[in-house]
Amino acid sequence: MTVAHPLVDLARDASPEARARLAAQTAELFLSDTSEADSPQVTLYGEVLARLYQYARQDVRAKLSAALAMCDWAPVDLVRELARDTFDIAQPVIAFCPVLDEEGLIDVVRTCGIEHRVCVASRDNIGEAVTSALIDARETQVIAALADNQSARITPDSFARAMDLVREDPKLTDALVSRPDLPASLVATAYAMAGRDARAAIAGRLPPGLEARLTRLASIVCIEAAHCQVDGGIGKELGQAVAAGVLAKPKVTSGQILGALVRGDRNQVLRGLAELLGLSGPALARRLTEGTTETLALVARASGFEIPTVRALHDVIATKKSVWSRDDERQVALTWMRTSQDAARQQLRSLLASS
């Protein structure tokens, strides 16, 4: 028996025009059908549309995307076709459709453009396999979206690779390492890379009093990198990046000096400070050995250190030691308020020139 139906007649016509009309009419029937979501009829419509998708007009695709974006019963194959379409059509499905599973999202990441990847990176509750694929794309825009997506789950290995990718962008580095899920194994490295606000965010999640020890640990990470001693804990690429940063000019870095300070190596600290600041070693050593808290604060400020470093300088360098007091703390804070890093360097040059 011959079945008489307009759709059957269209299905017999293999021309692209007939296929486009068949896709449009099937979409109308699909979207207007009131049957249960798992009914054979709805399932059949979904299968037909997935097979005819390449023939569907843009307006039909857009209508399907809008209608299925929030549906938990949408046909999987059709949703995947929609997600791989042009960004305007794909965006609602990528952002919201619960049927678009991990496999489908990874397929979008690997086969589509950067707009699609940024959209995937912004989707709620994406899993570790998806974030790993996103980071593999090595695009800073994608990393920025991931940094803002607090619900995304990221493995420590993927986190380290992301940190390596954004290491030359301070703002993006801070956004990434400020995430609440920063792995414990990367805290010291992140702290070494981070700016002031991001460091405060990291320290704020740690037990009280740990920030000073974390500063020392971050310095040790830098020193080990400088001596090519970074192990696989932070990943080869990130370790090489830290090493490159520490070994870049100037030859002596703040991190190396802090490391010598932690070890109590007075002579190394004095030599390092003189080289870092471009000052006479003997003259600087004399000033620091006999100098005031203000002088120590100027040196720390000029070297780009944090306020807690001044007391460490006092304990390691000064030969005429006095008990560190609240007056010393106030003097250091006052120096920081009144003096920028450049101004501190100028004042030190003037002090040494007059001595």
C-alpha atoms as a PDB file:
ATOM      1  CA  MET A   1       0.000   0.000   0.000  1.00  0.00           C
ATOM      2  CA  THR A   2       1.271   3.437  -0.950  1.00  0.00           C
ATOM      3  CA  VAL A   3       1.370   5.986   1.843  1.00  0.00           C
ATOM      4  CA  ALA A   4       0.047   9.361   0.729  1.00  0.00           C
ATOM      5  CA  HIS A   5       1.485  12.223   2.749  1.00  0.00           C
ATOM      6  CA  PRO A   6       3.198  15.478   1.705  1.00  0.00           C
ATOM      7  CA  LEU A   7       6.276  14.619   3.812  1.00  0.00           C
ATOM      8  CA  VAL A   8       6.580  11.244   2.131  1.00  0.00           C
ATOM      9  CA  ASP A   9       6.468  12.897  -1.271  1.00  0.00           C
ATOM     10  CA  LEU A  10       9.185  15.362  -0.183  1.00  0.00           C
ATOM     11  CA  ALA A  11      11.311  12.514   1.164  1.00  0.00           C
ATOM     12  CA  ARG A  12      11.254  10.860  -2.258  1.00  0.00           C
ATOM     13  CA  ASP A  13      12.701  14.041  -3.805  1.00  0.00           C
ATOM     14  CA  ALA A  14      16.462  14.123  -3.196  1.00  0.00           C
ATOM     15  CA  SER A  15      17.031  17.666  -4.410  1.00  0.00           C
ATOM     16  CA  PRO A  16      18.511  20.169  -1.894  1.00  0.00           C
ATOM     17  CA  GLU A  17      15.394  22.332  -2.230  1.00  0.00           C
ATOM     18  CA  ALA A  18      13.104  19.435  -1.329  1.00  0.00           C
ATOM     19  CA  ARG A  19      15.373  18.470   1.562  1.00  0.00           C
ATOM     20  CA  ALA A  20      15.197  22.049   2.897  1.00  0.00           C
ATOM     21  CA  ARG A  21      11.397  22.049   2.706  1.00  0.00           C
ATOM     22  CA  LEU A  22      11.283  18.627   4.388  1.00  0.00           C
ATOM     23  CA  ALA A  23      13.492  19.859   7.214  1.00  0.00           C
ATOM     24  CA  ALA A  24      11.327  22.963   7.694  1.00  0.00           C
ATOM     25  CA  GLN A  25       8.052  21.036   7.756  1.00  0.00           C
ATOM     26  CA  THR A  26       9.464  18.354  10.051  1.00  0.00           C
ATOM     27  CA  ALA A  27      10.669  21.068  12.420  1.00  0.00           C
ATOM     28  CA  GLU A  28       7.182  22.602  12.491  1.00  0.00           C
ATOM     29  CA  LEU A  29       5.638  19.219  13.304  1.00  0.00           C
ATOM     30  CA  PHE A  30       8.328  18.506  15.895  1.00  0.00           C
ATOM     31  CA  LEU A  31       7.930  21.801  17.735  1.00  0.00           C
ATOM     32  CA  SER A  32       4.134  21.694  17.660  1.00  0.00           C
ATOM     33  CA  ASP A  33       3.767  18.036  18.695  1.00  0.00           C
ATOM     34  CA  THR A  34       2.096  17.578  22.067  1.00  0.00           C
ATOM     35  CA  SER A  35       3.117  13.951  22.531  1.00  0.00           C
ATOM     36  CA  GLU A  36       5.256  12.797  25.436  1.00  0.00           C
ATOM     37  CA  ALA A  37       8.906  13.710  25.056  1.00  0.00           C
ATOM     38  CA  ASP A  38       9.946  10.059  24.800  1.00  0.00           C
ATOM     39  CA  SER A  39       7.225   9.037  22.358  1.00  0.00           C
ATOM     40  CA  PRO A  40       8.313   7.212  19.185  1.00  0.00           C
ATOM     41  CA  GLN A  41       6.913  10.044  17.071  1.00  0.00           C
ATOM     42  CA  VAL A  42       8.981  12.759  18.770  1.00  0.00           C
ATOM     43  CA  THR A  43      12.049  10.512  18.643  1.00  0.00           C
ATOM     44  CA  LEU A  44      11.523   9.980  14.922  1.00  0.00           C
ATOM     45  CA  TYR A  45      11.213  13.718  14.296  1.00  0.00           C
ATOM     46  CA  GLY A  46      14.494  14.295  16.124  1.00  0.00           C
ATOM     47  CA  GLU A  47      16.307  11.624  14.104  1.00  0.00           C
ATOM     48  CA  VAL A  48      14.990  12.988  10.807  1.00  0.00           C
ATOM     49  CA  LEU A  49      16.019  16.549  11.704  1.00  0.00           C
ATOM     50  CA  ALA A  50      19.520  15.451  12.704  1.00  0.00           C
ATOM     51  CA  ARG A  51      19.947  13.721   9.326  1.00  0.00           C
ATOM     52  CA  LEU A  52      18.516  16.641   7.379  1.00  0.00           C
ATOM     53  CA  TYR A  53      20.276  19.319   9.408  1.00  0.00           C
ATOM     54  CA  GLN A  54      22.675  20.328   6.641  1.00  0.00           C
ATOM     55  CA  TYR A  55      19.680  21.221   4.460  1.00  0.00           C
ATOM     56  CA  ALA A  56      17.797  23.245   7.084  1.00  0.00           C
ATOM     57  CA  ARG A  57      17.521  26.984   6.515  1.00  0.00           C
ATOM     58  CA  GLN A  58      19.062  29.386   9.056  1.00  0.00           C
ATOM     59  CA  ASP A  59      15.673  30.542  10.316  1.00  0.00           C
ATOM     60  CA  VAL A  60      14.651  26.921  10.960  1.00  0.00           C
ATOM     61  CA  ARG A  61      17.878  26.236  12.822  1.00  0.00           C
ATOM     62  CA  ALA A  62      17.471  29.374  14.915  1.00  0.00           C
ATOM     63  CA  LYS A  63      13.934  28.383  15.830  1.00  0.00           C
ATOM     64  CA  LEU A  64      15.066  24.900  16.871  1.00  0.00           C
ATOM     65  CA  SER A  65      17.913  26.311  18.971  1.00  0.00           C
ATOM     66  CA  ALA A  66      15.670  28.715  20.840  1.00  0.00           C
ATOM     67  CA  ALA A  67      13.039  26.043  21.456  1.00  0.00           C
ATOM     68  CA  LEU A  68      15.443  23.312  22.629  1.00  0.00           C
ATOM     69  CA  ALA A  69      17.936  25.383  24.635  1.00  0.00           C
ATOM     70  CA  MET A  70      16.279  24.631  27.981  1.00  0.00           C
ATOM     71  CA  CYS A  71      14.785  21.217  27.179  1.00  0.00           C
ATOM     72  CA  ASP A  72      15.968  18.131  29.005  1.00  0.00           C
ATOM     73  CA  TRP A  73      14.247  15.929  26.439  1.00  0.00           C
ATOM     74  CA  ALA A  74      15.823  17.399  23.292  1.00  0.00           C
ATOM     75  CA  PRO A  75      17.240  14.782  20.879  1.00  0.00           C
ATOM     76  CA  VAL A  76      20.978  14.446  21.570  1.00  0.00           C
ATOM     77  CA  ASP A  77      22.096  14.192  17.939  1.00  0.00           C
ATOM     78  CA  LEU A  78      20.077  17.259  16.957  1.00  0.00           C
ATOM     79  CA  VAL A  79      21.408  19.275  19.895  1.00  0.00           C
ATOM     80  CA  ARG A  80      24.975  18.450  18.890  1.00  0.00           C
ATOM     81  CA  GLU A  81      24.310  19.658  15.352  1.00  0.00           C
ATOM     82  CA  LEU A  82      22.920  22.906  16.741  1.00  0.00           C
ATOM     83  CA  ALA A  83      25.923  23.349  19.054  1.00  0.00           C
ATOM     84  CA  ARG A  84      28.335  23.104  16.115  1.00  0.00           C
ATOM     85  CA  ASP A  85      26.450  25.647  14.010  1.00  0.00           C
ATOM     86  CA  THR A  86      27.299  29.350  13.661  1.00  0.00           C
ATOM     87  CA  PHE A  87      27.727  31.034  17.015  1.00  0.00           C
ATOM     88  CA  ASP A  88      24.414  32.918  16.976  1.00  0.00           C
ATOM     89  CA  ILE A  89      22.555  29.636  16.566  1.00  0.00           C
ATOM     90  CA  ALA A  90      24.803  27.573  18.816  1.00  0.00           C
ATOM     91  CA  GLN A  91      25.027  29.956  21.768  1.00  0.00           C
ATOM     92  CA  PRO A  92      21.694  29.185  23.508  1.00  0.00           C
ATOM     93  CA  VAL A  93      22.284  25.444  23.276  1.00  0.00           C
ATOM     94  CA  ILE A  94      25.922  25.614  24.411  1.00  0.00           C
ATOM     95  CA  ALA A  95      25.090  27.897  27.313  1.00  0.00           C
ATOM     96  CA  PHE A  96      22.011  26.156  28.682  1.00  0.00           C
ATOM     97  CA  CYS A  97      20.903  22.887  27.104  1.00  0.00           C
ATOM     98  CA  PRO A  98      21.122  20.102  29.725  1.00  0.00           C
ATOM     99  CA  VAL A  99      21.205  17.436  27.000  1.00  0.00           C
ATOM    100  CA  LEU A 100      24.556  18.705  25.685  1.00  0.00           C
ATOM    101  CA  ASP A 101      26.772  16.347  27.684  1.00  0.00           C
ATOM    102  CA  GLU A 102      30.520  16.308  28.317  1.00  0.00           C
ATOM    103  CA  GLU A 103      31.261  14.457  25.088  1.00  0.00           C
ATOM    104  CA  GLY A 104      29.242  16.982  23.083  1.00  0.00           C
ATOM    105  CA  LEU A 105      30.928  19.940  24.769  1.00  0.00           C
ATOM    106  CA  ILE A 106      34.401  18.559  24.108  1.00  0.00           C
ATOM    107  CA  ASP A 107      33.419  18.039  20.463  1.00  0.00           C
ATOM    108  CA  VAL A 108      32.420  21.732  20.267  1.00  0.00           C
ATOM    109  CA  VAL A 109      35.719  22.787  21.881  1.00  0.00           C
ATOM    110  CA  ARG A 110      37.789  20.785  19.390  1.00  0.00           C
ATOM    111  CA  THR A 111      35.857  21.487  16.193  1.00  0.00           C
ATOM    112  CA  CYS A 112      34.503  25.029  16.525  1.00  0.00           C
ATOM    113  CA  GLY A 113      35.861  28.556  16.893  1.00  0.00           C
ATOM    114  CA  ILE A 114      36.954  30.690  19.808  1.00  0.00           C
ATOM    115  CA  GLU A 115      33.485  32.187  20.371  1.00  0.00           C
ATOM    116  CA  HIS A 116      32.132  28.687  20.904  1.00  0.00           C
ATOM    117  CA  ARG A 117      34.993  27.849  23.302  1.00  0.00           C
ATOM    118  CA  VAL A 118      34.475  30.993  25.361  1.00  0.00           C
ATOM    119  CA  CYS A 119      30.783  30.113  25.606  1.00  0.00           C
ATOM    120  CA  VAL A 120      31.616  26.580  26.762  1.00  0.00           C
ATOM    121  CA  ALA A 121      34.079  27.997  29.312  1.00  0.00           C
ATOM    122  CA  SER A 122      31.304  30.193  30.735  1.00  0.00           C
ATOM    123  CA  ARG A 123      28.749  27.364  31.025  1.00  0.00           C
ATOM    124  CA  ASP A 124      27.760  26.393  34.565  1.00  0.00           C
ATOM    125  CA  ASN A 125      29.220  23.268  36.164  1.00  0.00           C
ATOM    126  CA  ILE A 126      31.468  22.084  33.355  1.00  0.00           C
ATOM    127  CA  GLY A 127      33.629  19.129  34.350  1.00  0.00           C
ATOM    128  CA  GLU A 128      37.345  18.470  34.457  1.00  0.00           C
ATOM    129  CA  ALA A 129      37.557  16.801  31.028  1.00  0.00           C
ATOM    130  CA  VAL A 130      35.893  19.826  29.423  1.00  0.00           C
ATOM    131  CA  THR A 131      38.115  22.378  31.183  1.00  0.00           C
ATOM    132  CA  SER A 132      41.184  20.349  30.241  1.00  0.00           C
ATOM    133  CA  ALA A 133      40.150  20.456  26.565  1.00  0.00           C
ATOM    134  CA  LEU A 134      39.512  24.209  26.833  1.00  0.00           C
ATOM    135  CA  ILE A 135      42.955  24.853  28.320  1.00  0.00           C
ATOM    136  CA  ASP A 136      44.508  22.692  25.587  1.00  0.00           C
ATOM    137  CA  ALA A 137      43.269  25.314  23.104  1.00  0.00           C
ATOM    138  CA  ARG A 138      45.854  27.739  24.614  1.00  0.00           C
ATOM    139  CA  GLU A 139      43.682  30.863  24.219  1.00  0.00           C
ATOM    140  CA  THR A 140      43.798  33.627  26.836  1.00  0.00           C
ATOM    141  CA  GLN A 141      40.169  34.619  26.185  1.00  0.00           C
ATOM    142  CA  VAL A 142      39.100  31.111  27.078  1.00  0.00           C
ATOM    143  CA  ILE A 143      41.266  31.105  30.231  1.00  0.00           C
ATOM    144  CA  ALA A 144      39.712  34.445  31.219  1.00  0.00           C
ATOM    145  CA  ALA A 145      36.227  32.952  30.929  1.00  0.00           C
ATOM    146  CA  LEU A 146      37.297  29.948  32.996  1.00  0.00           C
ATOM    147  CA  ALA A 147      38.817  32.225  35.646  1.00  0.00           C
ATOM    148  CA  ASP A 148      35.435  33.934  36.032  1.00  0.00           C
ATOM    149  CA  ASN A 149      33.451  30.680  36.052  1.00  0.00           C
ATOM    150  CA  GLN A 150      33.575  29.661  39.693  1.00  0.00           C
ATOM    151  CA  SER A 151      31.489  26.531  39.059  1.00  0.00           C
ATOM    152  CA  ALA A 152      33.957  25.060  36.536  1.00  0.00           C
ATOM    153  CA  ARG A 153      35.974  22.111  37.865  1.00  0.00           C
ATOM    154  CA  ILE A 154      39.697  22.167  37.051  1.00  0.00           C
ATOM    155  CA  THR A 155      42.319  19.533  37.869  1.00  0.00           C
ATOM    156  CA  PRO A 156      45.653  20.625  39.422  1.00  0.00           C
ATOM    157  CA  ASP A 157      47.463  19.681  36.205  1.00  0.00           C
ATOM    158  CA  SER A 158      45.093  21.762  34.079  1.00  0.00           C
ATOM    159  CA  PHE A 159      45.356  24.635  36.567  1.00  0.00           C
ATOM    160  CA  ALA A 160      49.153  24.599  36.253  1.00  0.00           C
ATOM    161  CA  ARG A 161      48.922  24.630  32.444  1.00  0.00           C
ATOM    162  CA  ALA A 162      46.515  27.580  32.586  1.00  0.00           C
ATOM    163  CA  MET A 163      48.869  29.495  34.904  1.00  0.00           C
ATOM    164  CA  ASP A 164      51.686  28.895  32.440  1.00  0.00           C
ATOM    165  CA  LEU A 165      49.597  30.251  29.562  1.00  0.00           C
ATOM    166  CA  VAL A 166      48.721  33.532  31.315  1.00  0.00           C
ATOM    167  CA  ARG A 167      51.996  34.171  33.149  1.00  0.00           C
ATOM    168  CA  GLU A 168      52.758  37.273  31.034  1.00  0.00           C
ATOM    169  CA  ASP A 169      49.337  38.837  31.721  1.00  0.00           C
ATOM    170  CA  PRO A 170      49.336  40.059  35.355  1.00  0.00           C
ATOM    171  CA  LYS A 171      45.628  40.895  35.418  1.00  0.00           C
ATOM    172  CA  LEU A 172      44.588  37.512  34.072  1.00  0.00           C
ATOM    173  CA  THR A 173      47.090  35.724  36.311  1.00  0.00           C
ATOM    174  CA  ASP A 174      45.553  37.402  39.343  1.00  0.00           C
ATOM    175  CA  ALA A 175      42.040  36.462  38.224  1.00  0.00           C
ATOM    176  CA  LEU A 176      43.048  32.820  37.771  1.00  0.00           C
ATOM    177  CA  VAL A 177      45.003  32.329  40.999  1.00  0.00           C
ATOM    178  CA  SER A 178      42.281  34.119  43.000  1.00  0.00           C
ATOM    179  CA  ARG A 179      39.848  31.281  42.270  1.00  0.00           C
ATOM    180  CA  PRO A 180      38.729  29.554  45.481  1.00  0.00           C
ATOM    181  CA  ASP A 181      39.715  26.147  44.085  1.00  0.00           C
ATOM    182  CA  LEU A 182      43.408  27.015  43.621  1.00  0.00           C
ATOM    183  CA  PRO A 183      45.116  23.633  44.277  1.00  0.00           C
ATOM    184  CA  ALA A 184      47.187  23.448  47.460  1.00  0.00           C
ATOM    185  CA  SER A 185      50.139  22.159  45.446  1.00  0.00           C
ATOM    186  CA  LEU A 186      50.213  25.417  43.456  1.00  0.00           C
ATOM    187  CA  VAL A 187      49.717  27.929  46.274  1.00  0.00           C
ATOM    188  CA  ALA A 188      53.406  28.893  46.608  1.00  0.00           C
ATOM    189  CA  THR A 189      53.869  29.198  42.843  1.00  0.00           C
ATOM    190  CA  ALA A 190      50.664  31.206  42.479  1.00  0.00           C
ATOM    191  CA  TYR A 191      51.686  33.466  45.355  1.00  0.00           C
ATOM    192  CA  ALA A 192      55.034  34.097  43.668  1.00  0.00           C
ATOM    193  CA  MET A 193      53.305  35.044  40.391  1.00  0.00           C
ATOM    194  CA  ALA A 194      50.442  37.058  41.868  1.00  0.00           C
ATOM    195  CA  GLY A 195      50.025  40.775  42.407  1.00  0.00           C
ATOM    196  CA  ARG A 196      49.194  42.417  45.734  1.00  0.00           C
ATOM    197  CA  ASP A 197      45.403  41.975  45.620  1.00  0.00           C
ATOM    198  CA  ALA A 198      45.612  38.380  44.439  1.00  0.00           C
ATOM    199  CA  ARG A 199      48.141  37.582  47.155  1.00  0.00           C
ATOM    200  CA  ALA A 200      45.736  38.993  49.706  1.00  0.00           C
ATOM    201  CA  ALA A 201      42.969  36.804  48.280  1.00  0.00           C
ATOM    202  CA  ILE A 202      45.169  33.705  48.532  1.00  0.00           C
ATOM    203  CA  ALA A 203      46.389  34.552  52.036  1.00  0.00           C
ATOM    204  CA  GLY A 204      42.829  35.261  53.164  1.00  0.00           C
ATOM    205  CA  ARG A 205      41.920  31.593  52.669  1.00  0.00           C
ATOM    206  CA  LEU A 206      44.834  30.369  54.774  1.00  0.00           C
ATOM    207  CA  PRO A 207      45.220  30.077  58.560  1.00  0.00           C
ATOM    208  CA  PRO A 208      46.169  33.338  60.342  1.00  0.00           C
ATOM    209  CA  GLY A 209      49.884  34.103  60.446  1.00  0.00           C
ATOM    210  CA  LEU A 210      50.738  31.934  57.452  1.00  0.00           C
ATOM    211  CA  GLU A 211      51.213  34.804  54.985  1.00  0.00           C
ATOM    212  CA  ALA A 212      54.779  35.601  56.090  1.00  0.00           C
ATOM    213  CA  ARG A 213      55.791  31.946  55.753  1.00  0.00           C
ATOM    214  CA  LEU A 214      54.057  31.816  52.371  1.00  0.00           C
ATOM    215  CA  THR A 215      56.105  34.819  51.211  1.00  0.00           C
ATOM    216  CA  ARG A 216      59.284  32.957  52.166  1.00  0.00           C
ATOM    217  CA  LEU A 217      58.062  29.790  50.452  1.00  0.00           C
ATOM    218  CA  ALA A 218      57.281  31.725  47.271  1.00  0.00           C
ATOM    219  CA  SER A 219      60.814  33.109  47.348  1.00  0.00           C
ATOM    220  CA  ILE A 220      62.244  29.622  47.707  1.00  0.00           C
ATOM    221  CA  VAL A 221      60.208  28.523  44.653  1.00  0.00           C
ATOM    222  CA  CYS A 222      61.820  31.353  42.681  1.00  0.00           C
ATOM    223  CA  ILE A 223      65.304  30.481  43.901  1.00  0.00           C
ATOM    224  CA  GLU A 224      64.916  26.798  43.087  1.00  0.00           C
ATOM    225  CA  ALA A 225      63.708  27.788  39.636  1.00  0.00           C
ATOM    226  CA  ALA A 226      66.741  30.028  39.186  1.00  0.00           C
ATOM    227  CA  HIS A 227      68.996  27.074  39.948  1.00  0.00           C
ATOM    228  CA  CYS A 228      66.952  24.750  37.732  1.00  0.00           C
ATOM    229  CA  GLN A 229      65.780  22.794  40.779  1.00  0.00           C
ATOM    230  CA  VAL A 230      62.020  23.000  40.215  1.00  0.00           C
ATOM    231  CA  ASP A 231      60.629  19.473  40.294  1.00  0.00           C
ATOM    232  CA  GLY A 232      57.617  18.123  38.455  1.00  0.00           C
ATOM    233  CA  GLY A 233      55.212  19.311  41.132  1.00  0.00           C
ATOM    234  CA  ILE A 234      54.277  22.446  39.213  1.00  0.00           C
ATOM    235  CA  GLY A 235      54.795  21.019  35.752  1.00  0.00           C
ATOM    236  CA  LYS A 236      57.746  21.284  33.401  1.00  0.00           C
ATOM    237  CA  GLU A 237      56.461  24.227  31.370  1.00  0.00           C
ATOM    238  CA  LEU A 238      55.502  26.316  34.384  1.00  0.00           C
ATOM    239  CA  GLY A 239      58.789  25.489  36.083  1.00  0.00           C
ATOM    240  CA  GLN A 240      60.683  26.647  33.015  1.00  0.00           C
ATOM    241  CA  ALA A 241      58.622  29.834  32.934  1.00  0.00           C
ATOM    242  CA  VAL A 242      59.426  30.640  36.552  1.00  0.00           C
ATOM    243  CA  ALA A 243      63.082  29.882  35.918  1.00  0.00           C
ATOM    244  CA  ALA A 244      63.113  32.145  32.865  1.00  0.00           C
ATOM    245  CA  GLY A 245      61.559  34.958  34.861  1.00  0.00           C
ATOM    246  CA  VAL A 246      64.006  34.621  37.722  1.00  0.00           C
ATOM    247  CA  LEU A 247      67.039  34.363  35.458  1.00  0.00           C
ATOM    248  CA  ALA A 248      66.030  37.377  33.361  1.00  0.00           C
ATOM    249  CA  LYS A 249      67.789  40.695  33.854  1.00  0.00           C
ATOM    250  CA  PRO A 250      68.725  41.990  36.349  1.00  0.00           C
ATOM    251  CA  LYS A 251      70.995  39.031  37.141  1.00  0.00           C
ATOM    252  CA  VAL A 252      70.118  39.241  40.809  1.00  0.00           C
ATOM    253  CA  THR A 253      66.398  39.287  41.575  1.00  0.00           C
ATOM    254  CA  SER A 254      64.306  40.170  44.573  1.00  0.00           C
ATOM    255  CA  GLY A 255      63.394  36.493  44.902  1.00  0.00           C
ATOM    256  CA  GLN A 256      67.038  35.433  45.175  1.00  0.00           C
ATOM    257  CA  ILE A 257      67.723  38.076  47.810  1.00  0.00           C
ATOM    258  CA  LEU A 258      64.692  37.002  49.817  1.00  0.00           C
ATOM    259  CA  GLY A 259      65.920  33.427  49.641  1.00  0.00           C
ATOM    260  CA  ALA A 260      69.323  34.458  51.028  1.00  0.00           C
ATOM    261  CA  LEU A 261      67.477  36.402  53.707  1.00  0.00           C
ATOM    262  CA  VAL A 262      65.468  33.331  54.693  1.00  0.00           C
ATOM    263  CA  ARG A 263      68.706  31.349  54.945  1.00  0.00           C
ATOM    264  CA  GLY A 264      70.332  34.103  57.022  1.00  0.00           C
ATOM    265  CA  ASP A 265      73.141  34.571  54.471  1.00  0.00           C
ATOM    266  CA  ARG A 266      74.079  38.141  55.374  1.00  0.00           C
ATOM    267  CA  ASN A 267      76.883  38.573  52.840  1.00  0.00           C
ATOM    268  CA  GLN A 268      74.763  37.267  49.981  1.00  0.00           C
ATOM    269  CA  VAL A 269      71.941  39.635  50.924  1.00  0.00           C
ATOM    270  CA  LEU A 270      74.276  42.647  50.950  1.00  0.00           C
ATOM    271  CA  ARG A 271      75.871  41.719  47.625  1.00  0.00           C
ATOM    272  CA  GLY A 272      72.488  41.066  46.062  1.00  0.00           C
ATOM    273  CA  LEU A 273      70.996  44.354  47.234  1.00  0.00           C
ATOM    274  CA  ALA A 274      73.926  46.333  45.873  1.00  0.00           C
ATOM    275  CA  GLU A 275      73.665  44.642  42.463  1.00  0.00           C
ATOM    276  CA  LEU A 276      69.877  44.892  42.305  1.00  0.00           C
ATOM    277  CA  LEU A 277      69.889  48.605  43.162  1.00  0.00           C
ATOM    278  CA  GLY A 278      73.032  49.492  41.214  1.00  0.00           C
ATOM    279  CA  LEU A 279      74.746  50.900  44.281  1.00  0.00           C
ATOM    280  CA  SER A 280      78.228  50.670  45.791  1.00  0.00           C
ATOM    281  CA  GLY A 281      78.453  47.448  47.777  1.00  0.00           C
ATOM    282  CA  PRO A 282      80.739  48.672  50.598  1.00  0.00           C
ATOM    283  CA  ALA A 283      78.879  51.948  51.010  1.00  0.00           C
ATOM    284  CA  LEU A 284      75.496  50.223  51.126  1.00  0.00           C
ATOM    285  CA  ALA A 285      76.775  47.593  53.567  1.00  0.00           C
ATOM    286  CA  ARG A 286      78.065  50.303  55.876  1.00  0.00           C
ATOM    287  CA  ARG A 287      74.788  52.198  55.791  1.00  0.00           C
ATOM    288  CA  LEU A 288      72.709  49.097  56.419  1.00  0.00           C
ATOM    289  CA  THR A 289      74.964  47.754  59.155  1.00  0.00           C
ATOM    290  CA  GLU A 290      74.815  50.952  61.164  1.00  0.00           C
ATOM    291  CA  GLY A 291      71.708  52.491  59.665  1.00  0.00           C
ATOM    292  CA  THR A 292      68.301  53.285  61.056  1.00  0.00           C
ATOM    293  CA  THR A 293      65.001  51.536  60.557  1.00  0.00           C
ATOM    294  CA  GLU A 294      64.175  54.233  57.996  1.00  0.00           C
ATOM    295  CA  THR A 295      67.239  53.244  55.938  1.00  0.00           C
ATOM    296  CA  LEU A 296      66.284  49.581  56.049  1.00  0.00           C
ATOM    297  CA  ALA A 297      62.758  50.504  55.002  1.00  0.00           C
ATOM    298  CA  LEU A 298      64.083  52.567  52.086  1.00  0.00           C
ATOM    299  CA  VAL A 299      66.154  49.609  50.877  1.00  0.00           C
ATOM    300  CA  ALA A 300      63.199  47.234  51.108  1.00  0.00           C
ATOM    301  CA  ARG A 301      60.921  49.721  49.356  1.00  0.00           C
ATOM    302  CA  ALA A 302      63.467  50.385  46.596  1.00  0.00           C
ATOM    303  CA  SER A 303      63.936  46.640  46.061  1.00  0.00           C
ATOM    304  CA  GLY A 304      60.209  45.998  45.613  1.00  0.00           C
ATOM    305  CA  PHE A 305      59.835  43.957  48.815  1.00  0.00           C
ATOM    306  CA  GLU A 306      56.807  43.804  51.084  1.00  0.00           C
ATOM    307  CA  ILE A 307      56.681  45.526  54.478  1.00  0.00           C
ATOM    308  CA  PRO A 308      57.411  42.353  56.566  1.00  0.00           C
ATOM    309  CA  THR A 309      60.817  42.092  54.852  1.00  0.00           C
ATOM    310  CA  VAL A 310      62.142  45.130  56.752  1.00  0.00           C
ATOM    311  CA  ARG A 311      62.204  43.297  60.051  1.00  0.00           C
ATOM    312  CA  ALA A 312      63.976  40.344  58.433  1.00  0.00           C
ATOM    313  CA  LEU A 313      66.611  42.751  57.078  1.00  0.00           C
ATOM    314  CA  HIS A 314      66.958  44.201  60.563  1.00  0.00           C
ATOM    315  CA  ASP A 315      67.466  40.770  62.121  1.00  0.00           C
ATOM    316  CA  VAL A 316      69.954  39.490  59.523  1.00  0.00           C
ATOM    317  CA  ILE A 317      71.974  42.576  58.534  1.00  0.00           C
ATOM    318  CA  ALA A 318      72.145  45.064  61.382  1.00  0.00           C
ATOM    319  CA  THR A 319      75.156  44.533  63.659  1.00  0.00           C
ATOM    320  CA  LYS A 320      74.014  47.097  66.190  1.00  0.00           C
ATOM    321  CA  LYS A 321      70.762  45.344  66.846  1.00  0.00           C
ATOM    322  CA  SER A 322      68.035  46.750  69.009  1.00  0.00           C
ATOM    323  CA  VAL A 323      64.805  45.056  69.977  1.00  0.00           C
ATOM    324  CA  TRP A 324      62.233  45.477  67.196  1.00  0.00           C
ATOM    325  CA  SER A 325      59.432  47.674  68.499  1.00  0.00           C
ATOM    326  CA  ARG A 326      56.092  49.164  67.536  1.00  0.00           C
ATOM    327  CA  ASP A 327      57.919  52.424  66.817  1.00  0.00           C
ATOM    328  CA  ASP A 328      59.931  50.572  64.179  1.00  0.00           C
ATOM    329  CA  GLU A 329      56.723  49.228  62.636  1.00  0.00           C
ATOM    330  CA  ARG A 330      55.246  52.727  62.525  1.00  0.00           C
ATOM    331  CA  GLN A 331      58.417  54.078  60.898  1.00  0.00           C
ATOM    332  CA  VAL A 332      58.266  51.401  58.206  1.00  0.00           C
ATOM    333  CA  ALA A 333      54.586  52.084  57.514  1.00  0.00           C
ATOM    334  CA  LEU A 334      55.310  55.810  57.289  1.00  0.00           C
ATOM    335  CA  THR A 335      58.125  55.214  54.798  1.00  0.00           C
ATOM    336  CA  TRP A 336      55.788  53.111  52.646  1.00  0.00           C
ATOM    337  CA  MET A 337      53.121  55.820  52.691  1.00  0.00           C
ATOM    338  CA  ARG A 338      55.498  58.665  51.832  1.00  0.00           C
ATOM    339  CA  THR A 339      57.837  56.967  49.364  1.00  0.00           C
ATOM    340  CA  SER A 340      57.331  55.185  46.065  1.00  0.00           C
ATOM    341  CA  GLN A 341      59.807  52.576  44.820  1.00  0.00           C
ATOM    342  CA  ASP A 342      61.497  55.071  42.465  1.00  0.00           C
ATOM    343  CA  ALA A 343      61.647  57.754  45.137  1.00  0.00           C
ATOM    344  CA  ALA A 344      63.216  55.302  47.570  1.00  0.00           C
ATOM    345  CA  ARG A 345      65.961  54.490  45.059  1.00  0.00           C
ATOM    346  CA  GLN A 346      66.711  58.180  44.575  1.00  0.00           C
ATOM    347  CA  GLN A 347      66.901  58.784  48.327  1.00  0.00           C
ATOM    348  CA  LEU A 348      69.293  55.870  48.761  1.00  0.00           C
ATOM    349  CA  ARG A 349      71.619  57.220  46.066  1.00  0.00           C
ATOM    350  CA  SER A 350      71.618  60.605  47.804  1.00  0.00           C
ATOM    351  CA  LEU A 351      72.367  58.987  51.187  1.00  0.00           C
ATOM    352  CA  LEU A 352      75.317  57.020  49.817  1.00  0.00           C
ATOM    353  CA  ALA A 353      76.656  59.997  47.890  1.00  0.00           C
ATOM    354  CA  SER A 354      76.735  62.062  51.072  1.00  0.00           C
ATOM    355  CA  SER A 355      78.412  59.374  53.195  1.00  0.00           C
END
